[in-house]
Amino acid sequence: MSYQHVRRLTAHEIESLPATIHTHEACGILGTQPNTLQRWCRQGRIPASKVGGRLLFAKATICELAGLESEGA
């Protein structure tokens, strides 16, 4: 199985994200692989909404799980 490299986002990059983020952005905040994040969603460990086949996450929730404070969210 091949893994996709996900770069960790800087604090400045996280601040500039919208309130609703996609899987790749959430992975950049949490430091996980997309497959791991999708599995956590299926298990109910992380709340997400599915829109048009894509998972969307609340930035504030992801930042909270990562132990970060999300300004403006």
N, C-alpha and C. Protein backbone atom coordinates (compact mmCIF):
# COMPACT_ATOMS: atom_id res chain seq x y z
N MET A 1 0.85 -1.17 0.00
CA MET A 1 0.00 0.00 0.00
C MET A 1 0.90 1.24 0.00
N SER A 2 0.58 2.18 -0.81
CA SER A 2 1.34 3.41 -0.92
C SER A 2 0.67 4.51 -0.11
N TYR A 3 1.48 5.30 0.61
CA TYR A 3 0.93 6.37 1.43
C TYR A 3 1.18 7.72 0.78
N GLN A 4 0.20 8.57 0.88
CA GLN A 4 0.29 9.91 0.35
C GLN A 4 0.90 10.79 1.44
N HIS A 5 1.95 11.53 1.09
CA HIS A 5 2.58 12.41 2.06
C HIS A 5 1.70 13.63 2.30
N VAL A 6 1.44 13.92 3.55
CA VAL A 6 0.64 15.09 3.92
C VAL A 6 1.53 16.00 4.75
N ARG A 7 1.73 17.21 4.26
CA ARG A 7 2.58 18.18 4.94
C ARG A 7 1.81 18.84 6.08
N ARG A 8 2.44 18.96 7.25
CA ARG A 8 1.83 19.65 8.39
C ARG A 8 1.69 21.13 8.04
N LEU A 9 0.56 21.70 8.40
CA LEU A 9 0.32 23.11 8.13
C LEU A 9 0.90 23.97 9.25
N THR A 10 1.37 25.16 8.87
CA THR A 10 1.89 26.10 9.86
C THR A 10 0.71 26.81 10.53
N ALA A 11 0.99 27.49 11.63
CA ALA A 11 -0.06 28.23 12.34
C ALA A 11 -0.68 29.30 11.44
N HIS A 12 0.14 29.95 10.64
CA HIS A 12 -0.36 30.98 9.72
C HIS A 12 -1.28 30.37 8.66
N GLU A 13 -0.90 29.21 8.13
CA GLU A 13 -1.74 28.54 7.14
C GLU A 13 -3.07 28.09 7.74
N ILE A 14 -3.03 27.61 8.98
CA ILE A 14 -4.26 27.18 9.65
C ILE A 14 -5.19 28.36 9.85
N GLU A 15 -4.65 29.49 10.28
CA GLU A 15 -5.46 30.69 10.50
C GLU A 15 -6.15 31.15 9.24
N SER A 16 -5.50 30.97 8.09
CA SER A 16 -6.06 31.46 6.83
C SER A 16 -7.10 30.52 6.22
N LEU A 17 -7.29 29.34 6.81
CA LEU A 17 -8.28 28.39 6.28
C LEU A 17 -9.70 28.87 6.60
N PRO A 18 -10.66 28.49 5.75
CA PRO A 18 -12.07 28.82 6.05
C PRO A 18 -12.57 27.98 7.23
N ALA A 19 -13.76 28.28 7.70
CA ALA A 19 -14.33 27.58 8.86
C ALA A 19 -14.63 26.11 8.57
N THR A 20 -14.87 25.78 7.30
CA THR A 20 -15.13 24.40 6.89
C THR A 20 -13.98 23.96 5.99
N ILE A 21 -13.36 22.83 6.32
CA ILE A 21 -12.18 22.39 5.59
C ILE A 21 -12.36 20.98 5.03
N HIS A 22 -11.52 20.63 4.06
CA HIS A 22 -11.56 19.33 3.41
C HIS A 22 -10.61 18.35 4.11
N THR A 23 -10.64 17.12 3.70
CA THR A 23 -9.85 16.05 4.31
C THR A 23 -8.36 16.37 4.30
N HIS A 24 -7.83 16.81 3.17
CA HIS A 24 -6.38 17.05 3.07
C HIS A 24 -5.95 18.14 4.05
N GLU A 25 -6.76 19.18 4.20
CA GLU A 25 -6.43 20.26 5.13
C GLU A 25 -6.51 19.77 6.58
N ALA A 26 -7.53 18.97 6.88
CA ALA A 26 -7.66 18.41 8.22
C ALA A 26 -6.47 17.51 8.55
N CYS A 27 -6.02 16.74 7.58
CA CYS A 27 -4.85 15.88 7.78
C CYS A 27 -3.60 16.72 8.05
N GLY A 28 -3.49 17.85 7.38
CA GLY A 28 -2.36 18.74 7.59
C GLY A 28 -2.33 19.33 8.99
N ILE A 29 -3.50 19.50 9.58
CA ILE A 29 -3.57 20.02 10.95
C ILE A 29 -3.29 18.89 11.96
N LEU A 30 -3.90 17.74 11.73
CA LEU A 30 -3.78 16.62 12.68
C LEU A 30 -2.50 15.81 12.52
N GLY A 31 -1.88 15.87 11.35
CA GLY A 31 -0.68 15.08 11.10
C GLY A 31 -0.98 13.62 10.85
N THR A 32 -2.13 13.35 10.22
CA THR A 32 -2.53 11.97 9.91
C THR A 32 -2.62 11.77 8.41
N GLN A 33 -2.78 10.54 8.02
CA GLN A 33 -3.01 10.20 6.62
C GLN A 33 -4.51 10.27 6.32
N PRO A 34 -4.90 10.55 5.08
CA PRO A 34 -6.32 10.61 4.73
C PRO A 34 -7.10 9.34 5.10
N ASN A 35 -6.50 8.18 4.91
CA ASN A 35 -7.19 6.93 5.24
C ASN A 35 -7.50 6.84 6.73
N THR A 36 -6.58 7.31 7.55
CA THR A 36 -6.79 7.30 9.00
C THR A 36 -7.94 8.22 9.37
N LEU A 37 -7.95 9.42 8.80
CA LEU A 37 -9.00 10.39 9.10
C LEU A 37 -10.37 9.86 8.65
N GLN A 38 -10.43 9.24 7.49
CA GLN A 38 -11.68 8.67 7.01
C GLN A 38 -12.16 7.54 7.90
N ARG A 39 -11.23 6.73 8.39
CA ARG A 39 -11.59 5.64 9.30
C ARG A 39 -12.15 6.20 10.61
N TRP A 40 -11.51 7.25 11.14
CA TRP A 40 -12.01 7.87 12.37
C TRP A 40 -13.42 8.41 12.18
N CYS A 41 -13.71 8.95 11.00
CA CYS A 41 -15.07 9.44 10.72
C CYS A 41 -16.07 8.30 10.71
N ARG A 42 -15.72 7.19 10.06
CA ARG A 42 -16.61 6.02 10.03
C ARG A 42 -16.87 5.49 11.44
N GLN A 43 -15.85 5.56 12.29
CA GLN A 43 -15.98 5.07 13.66
C GLN A 43 -16.71 6.06 14.57
N GLY A 44 -16.98 7.26 14.06
CA GLY A 44 -17.67 8.27 14.85
C GLY A 44 -16.77 9.04 15.79
N ARG A 45 -15.46 8.93 15.62
CA ARG A 45 -14.51 9.61 16.50
C ARG A 45 -14.36 11.09 16.14
N ILE A 46 -14.63 11.43 14.87
CA ILE A 46 -14.53 12.82 14.41
C ILE A 46 -15.80 13.12 13.61
N PRO A 47 -16.50 14.20 13.97
CA PRO A 47 -17.71 14.56 13.21
C PRO A 47 -17.35 15.17 11.85
N ALA A 48 -18.09 14.78 10.83
CA ALA A 48 -17.87 15.31 9.48
C ALA A 48 -19.19 15.31 8.74
N SER A 49 -19.25 16.14 7.72
CA SER A 49 -20.40 16.17 6.82
C SER A 49 -19.93 15.70 5.46
N LYS A 50 -20.78 14.97 4.76
CA LYS A 50 -20.44 14.51 3.42
C LYS A 50 -21.23 15.33 2.43
N VAL A 51 -20.53 16.03 1.56
CA VAL A 51 -21.15 16.88 0.55
C VAL A 51 -20.54 16.53 -0.80
N GLY A 52 -21.37 16.05 -1.70
CA GLY A 52 -20.89 15.70 -3.04
C GLY A 52 -19.79 14.66 -3.03
N GLY A 53 -19.84 13.73 -2.11
CA GLY A 53 -18.82 12.68 -2.05
C GLY A 53 -17.56 13.07 -1.31
N ARG A 54 -17.49 14.30 -0.80
CA ARG A 54 -16.31 14.77 -0.07
C ARG A 54 -16.67 14.97 1.39
N LEU A 55 -15.71 14.68 2.25
CA LEU A 55 -15.90 14.92 3.68
C LEU A 55 -15.50 16.35 4.00
N LEU A 56 -16.33 17.02 4.79
CA LEU A 56 -16.04 18.37 5.25
C LEU A 56 -16.00 18.36 6.77
N PHE A 57 -15.07 19.13 7.33
CA PHE A 57 -14.87 19.18 8.77
C PHE A 57 -14.93 20.63 9.24
N ALA A 58 -15.36 20.81 10.48
CA ALA A 58 -15.31 22.14 11.10
C ALA A 58 -13.87 22.37 11.55
N LYS A 59 -13.27 23.47 11.09
CA LYS A 59 -11.89 23.77 11.45
C LYS A 59 -11.73 23.83 12.97
N ALA A 60 -12.69 24.42 13.66
CA ALA A 60 -12.60 24.55 15.11
C ALA A 60 -12.50 23.17 15.78
N THR A 61 -13.27 22.21 15.30
CA THR A 61 -13.25 20.86 15.86
C THR A 61 -11.91 20.19 15.63
N ILE A 62 -11.39 20.30 14.42
CA ILE A 62 -10.10 19.68 14.08
C ILE A 62 -8.98 20.32 14.90
N CYS A 63 -9.00 21.64 15.03
CA CYS A 63 -7.99 22.33 15.83
C CYS A 63 -8.06 21.91 17.29
N GLU A 64 -9.27 21.75 17.80
CA GLU A 64 -9.46 21.32 19.18
C GLU A 64 -8.87 19.91 19.37
N LEU A 65 -9.13 19.02 18.44
CA LEU A 65 -8.59 17.67 18.53
C LEU A 65 -7.07 17.66 18.45
N ALA A 66 -6.51 18.62 17.72
CA ALA A 66 -5.05 18.71 17.58
C ALA A 66 -4.42 19.45 18.75
N GLY A 67 -5.25 19.98 19.65
CA GLY A 67 -4.73 20.71 20.80
C GLY A 67 -4.35 22.14 20.47
N LEU A 68 -4.96 22.68 19.41
CA LEU A 68 -4.69 24.06 18.99
C LEU A 68 -5.89 24.92 19.28
N GLU A 69 -5.66 26.20 19.40
CA GLU A 69 -6.77 27.14 19.51
C GLU A 69 -7.06 27.71 18.13
N SER A 70 -8.30 27.64 17.70
CA SER A 70 -8.69 28.16 16.39
C SER A 70 -9.29 29.53 16.57
N GLU A 71 -8.58 30.54 16.08
CA GLU A 71 -9.06 31.92 16.21
C GLU A 71 -10.14 32.17 15.19
N GLY A 72 -11.19 32.84 15.62
CA GLY A 72 -12.25 33.23 14.70
C GLY A 72 -13.18 32.11 14.31
N ALA A 73 -13.09 30.98 14.96
CA ALA A 73 -13.98 29.86 14.61
C ALA A 73 -14.91 29.55 15.74
